[in-house]
Amino acid sequence: MDTWKALLKADPSDWLLEKENPSVRYFALKQILDLPEDDPAVLEAKNQIMQYGIVPEILQKQQDPAYLQTYHRFYTCKYKGLVWSLITLAELGAARCRRSGSSANIS
């Protein structure tokens, strides 16, 4: 692990482990520090993904009926439709949950 740090001007570990960005913290703990999924720090970060930061903001915006609008040009209308948010949520490590009023699962 220290070999990649030697290439940097400073150690980014503290920055990657800040609690202000639970998704980054979660993936840093798992993929850089190689902590197991059942480690208390990993579990805490995973739970906070759904509580703080961008994930709850995305989920809140999905409450708007216009958000579920279907776009006729899937690729050129990217980032506006539901599928793009689901991709982003997955990349951020969002937990699978069932939203009220929806039959879709987020994973």
Protein backbone atom coordinates (compact mmCIF):
# COMPACT_ATOMS: atom_id res chain seq x y z
CA MET A 1 0.00 0.00 0.00
CA ASP A 2 2.85 2.44 0.70
CA THR A 3 4.30 2.15 -2.83
CA TRP A 4 1.55 4.20 -4.46
CA LYS A 5 1.85 6.81 -1.71
CA ALA A 6 5.52 7.32 -2.58
CA LEU A 7 4.44 8.69 -5.97
CA LEU A 8 2.32 11.42 -4.40
CA LYS A 9 3.35 14.75 -2.90
CA ALA A 10 1.23 14.05 0.17
CA ASP A 11 -0.69 11.15 1.69
CA PRO A 12 -4.39 11.43 0.66
CA SER A 13 -5.60 8.87 3.20
CA ASP A 14 -7.01 11.39 5.68
CA TRP A 15 -8.85 13.18 2.88
CA LEU A 16 -10.28 9.92 1.50
CA LEU A 17 -11.45 8.89 4.95
CA GLU A 18 -13.26 12.13 5.83
CA LYS A 19 -16.78 11.52 7.10
CA GLU A 20 -18.20 14.32 4.94
CA ASN A 21 -18.27 12.01 1.90
CA PRO A 22 -19.46 8.60 3.09
CA SER A 23 -19.26 7.00 -0.39
CA VAL A 24 -15.59 7.89 -0.78
CA ARG A 25 -14.93 6.81 2.81
CA TYR A 26 -16.67 3.47 2.26
CA PHE A 27 -14.72 2.63 -0.89
CA ALA A 28 -11.42 3.84 0.61
CA LEU A 29 -11.91 1.61 3.64
CA LYS A 30 -12.76 -1.41 1.48
CA GLN A 31 -10.55 -0.98 -1.57
CA ILE A 32 -7.52 0.89 -0.26
CA LEU A 33 -7.33 -0.26 3.35
CA ASP A 34 -8.73 -3.73 2.46
CA LEU A 35 -11.07 -3.81 5.45
CA PRO A 36 -13.76 -6.53 5.35
CA GLU A 37 -17.41 -5.68 4.79
CA ASP A 38 -18.23 -6.55 8.41
CA ASP A 39 -15.64 -4.17 9.89
CA PRO A 40 -17.40 -1.60 12.14
CA ALA A 41 -15.89 1.37 10.25
CA VAL A 42 -17.02 -0.08 6.90
CA LEU A 43 -20.51 -0.76 8.22
CA GLU A 44 -20.76 2.77 9.61
CA ALA A 45 -19.64 4.32 6.31
CA LYS A 46 -22.06 2.11 4.34
CA ASN A 47 -24.96 3.17 6.58
CA GLN A 48 -24.04 6.84 6.31
CA ILE A 49 -24.14 6.70 2.49
CA MET A 50 -27.92 6.62 2.75
CA GLN A 51 -28.03 9.38 5.40
CA TYR A 52 -25.58 12.10 4.27
CA GLY A 53 -24.20 13.55 1.06
CA ILE A 54 -25.37 13.21 -2.50
CA VAL A 55 -27.27 9.89 -2.24
CA PRO A 56 -30.14 11.26 -0.09
CA GLU A 57 -30.27 14.32 -2.36
CA ILE A 58 -30.71 12.12 -5.45
CA LEU A 59 -33.35 10.04 -3.70
CA GLN A 60 -35.23 13.18 -2.64
CA LYS A 61 -35.32 14.46 -6.23
CA GLN A 62 -36.85 11.17 -7.32
CA GLN A 63 -40.00 12.14 -5.42
CA ASP A 64 -40.82 14.69 -8.17
CA PRO A 65 -43.26 13.10 -10.69
CA ALA A 66 -41.43 14.80 -13.58
CA TYR A 67 -38.35 12.86 -12.57
CA LEU A 68 -39.91 9.62 -13.78
CA GLN A 69 -40.54 11.05 -17.25
CA THR A 70 -39.58 8.76 -20.13
CA TYR A 71 -37.17 10.20 -22.67
CA HIS A 72 -37.45 9.06 -26.27
CA ARG A 73 -33.70 9.35 -26.89
CA PHE A 74 -32.03 7.38 -24.15
CA TYR A 75 -28.41 8.33 -24.80
CA THR A 76 -28.79 11.99 -25.75
CA CYS A 77 -31.12 12.64 -22.80
CA LYS A 78 -28.68 11.19 -20.33
CA TYR A 79 -28.51 12.44 -16.77
CA LYS A 80 -32.16 13.48 -16.90
CA GLY A 81 -33.91 10.13 -16.61
CA LEU A 82 -34.30 7.65 -13.81
CA VAL A 83 -31.84 5.12 -15.22
CA TRP A 84 -28.91 7.57 -15.00
CA SER A 85 -29.64 8.27 -11.35
CA LEU A 86 -29.83 4.56 -10.63
CA ILE A 87 -26.41 4.09 -12.24
CA THR A 88 -25.01 6.96 -10.16
CA LEU A 89 -26.57 5.60 -6.96
CA ALA A 90 -25.00 2.20 -7.63
CA GLU A 91 -21.59 3.78 -8.23
CA LEU A 92 -21.90 5.72 -4.97
CA GLY A 93 -22.61 2.52 -3.02
CA ALA A 94 -26.25 3.25 -2.22
CA ALA A 95 -28.08 0.44 -0.46
CA ARG A 96 -30.91 -1.36 -2.14
CA CYS A 97 -34.24 0.01 -0.95
CA ARG A 98 -37.84 0.18 -1.99
CA ARG A 99 -39.15 3.71 -2.42
CA SER A 100 -42.74 4.43 -1.41
CA GLY A 101 -45.07 4.68 -4.36
CA SER A 102 -42.67 2.87 -6.64
CA SER A 103 -42.13 -0.72 -7.63
CA ALA A 104 -38.51 -0.11 -8.59
CA ASN A 105 -35.62 -1.24 -6.44
CA ILE A 106 -32.46 0.77 -6.18
CA SER A 107 -29.31 -1.27 -6.11
